Amino acid sequence: MLRFGFGRKEERDPALTERLKADVRAALSLSEDVALSISEIACADPACPVLETIVLIMEPGKKTRACKAHGAINAMSVEELRAALTSQ
């Protein structure tokens, strides 16, 4: 991932993103027709960490929900992800 437009792109294992999506589905009891997006962004706010993981939950006929967890996708644990999902 490019951070602030500079640096090398960090390679991410696609299996990790798929595992995190499965964890989100299980934690929220979501069906397969719910689209999920998991991405990583650089946070410009000095109070937040450099990277945040953003989970978008797109259920048919409903407004898209966004949840964020502090930290990079590659460092995200199942517990951290579940805590972020249930706190928002």
Protein backbone atom coordinates (compact mmCIF):
# COMPACT_ATOMS: atom_id res chain seq x y z
CA MET A 1 0.00 0.00 0.00
CA LEU A 2 1.24 3.48 -0.74
CA ARG A 3 1.40 5.65 2.33
CA PHE A 4 0.74 9.34 1.69
CA GLY A 5 1.62 8.73 -1.95
CA PHE A 6 5.21 7.68 -1.27
CA GLY A 7 6.98 4.39 -0.67
CA ARG A 8 6.73 0.85 -1.87
CA LYS A 9 3.51 -1.02 -2.33
CA GLU A 10 3.17 -3.64 0.38
CA GLU A 11 2.13 -7.08 -0.84
CA ARG A 12 -0.85 -8.64 0.94
CA ASP A 13 -1.87 -12.27 0.95
CA PRO A 14 -5.37 -12.47 -0.61
CA ALA A 15 -6.13 -15.40 1.68
CA LEU A 16 -5.81 -13.06 4.66
CA THR A 17 -8.49 -10.72 3.33
CA GLU A 18 -10.77 -13.69 2.61
CA ARG A 19 -10.22 -15.01 6.16
CA LEU A 20 -11.08 -11.61 7.61
CA LYS A 21 -14.25 -11.47 5.47
CA ALA A 22 -15.24 -14.90 6.79
CA ASP A 23 -14.62 -13.65 10.35
CA VAL A 24 -16.84 -10.61 9.70
CA ARG A 25 -19.60 -12.82 8.30
CA ALA A 26 -19.43 -15.13 11.32
CA ALA A 27 -19.25 -12.31 13.88
CA LEU A 28 -22.27 -10.51 12.43
CA SER A 29 -24.19 -13.57 11.16
CA LEU A 30 -24.20 -12.20 7.60
CA SER A 31 -25.39 -14.19 4.61
CA GLU A 32 -23.45 -14.63 1.38
CA ASP A 33 -25.58 -12.01 -0.41
CA VAL A 34 -24.01 -9.30 1.78
CA ALA A 35 -21.03 -7.72 0.02
CA LEU A 36 -17.96 -6.98 2.12
CA SER A 37 -14.98 -4.80 1.41
CA ILE A 38 -11.89 -4.73 3.60
CA SER A 39 -9.29 -2.09 2.91
CA GLU A 40 -6.51 -0.21 4.58
CA ILE A 41 -6.14 3.56 4.67
CA ALA A 42 -3.58 6.00 5.96
CA CYS A 43 -5.08 8.18 8.67
CA ALA A 44 -4.15 11.87 8.57
CA ASP A 45 -5.40 12.58 12.10
CA PRO A 46 -2.43 12.81 14.50
CA ALA A 47 -4.54 11.10 17.20
CA CYS A 48 -5.00 7.88 15.23
CA PRO A 49 -2.49 5.27 14.15
CA VAL A 50 -0.77 5.54 10.79
CA LEU A 51 -2.95 2.82 9.27
CA GLU A 52 -6.57 1.80 9.81
CA THR A 53 -8.47 -1.19 8.49
CA ILE A 54 -11.90 -0.28 7.12
CA VAL A 55 -14.70 -2.83 6.72
CA LEU A 56 -17.67 -1.89 4.52
CA ILE A 57 -20.82 -3.98 4.95
CA MET A 58 -23.18 -3.64 2.00
CA GLU A 59 -26.50 -5.38 2.59
CA PRO A 60 -29.07 -5.33 -0.23
CA GLY A 61 -31.68 -2.63 0.40
CA LYS A 62 -29.82 -1.13 3.37
CA LYS A 63 -27.40 1.74 3.87
CA THR A 64 -23.73 0.72 3.74
CA ARG A 65 -22.14 0.41 7.17
CA ALA A 66 -18.49 1.20 7.82
CA CYS A 67 -16.41 -0.10 10.72
CA LYS A 68 -12.81 0.76 11.38
CA ALA A 69 -10.10 -0.93 13.38
CA HIS A 70 -6.79 0.62 14.30
CA GLY A 71 -3.87 -1.02 12.56
CA ALA A 72 -2.84 -2.66 9.31
CA ILE A 73 -4.68 -5.57 7.72
CA ASN A 74 -1.58 -7.74 7.93
CA ALA A 75 -1.43 -7.20 11.70
CA MET A 76 -5.17 -7.51 12.39
CA SER A 77 -6.19 -10.26 14.80
CA VAL A 78 -9.64 -11.83 14.85
CA GLU A 79 -10.20 -10.37 18.33
CA GLU A 80 -9.32 -6.82 17.20
CA LEU A 81 -11.59 -7.13 14.19
CA ARG A 82 -14.53 -8.43 16.25
CA ALA A 83 -14.06 -5.66 18.84
CA ALA A 84 -14.20 -3.03 16.08
CA LEU A 85 -17.34 -4.56 14.60
CA THR A 86 -19.22 -4.69 17.88
CA SER A 87 -18.17 -1.23 19.09
CA GLN A 88 -19.74 0.64 16.17
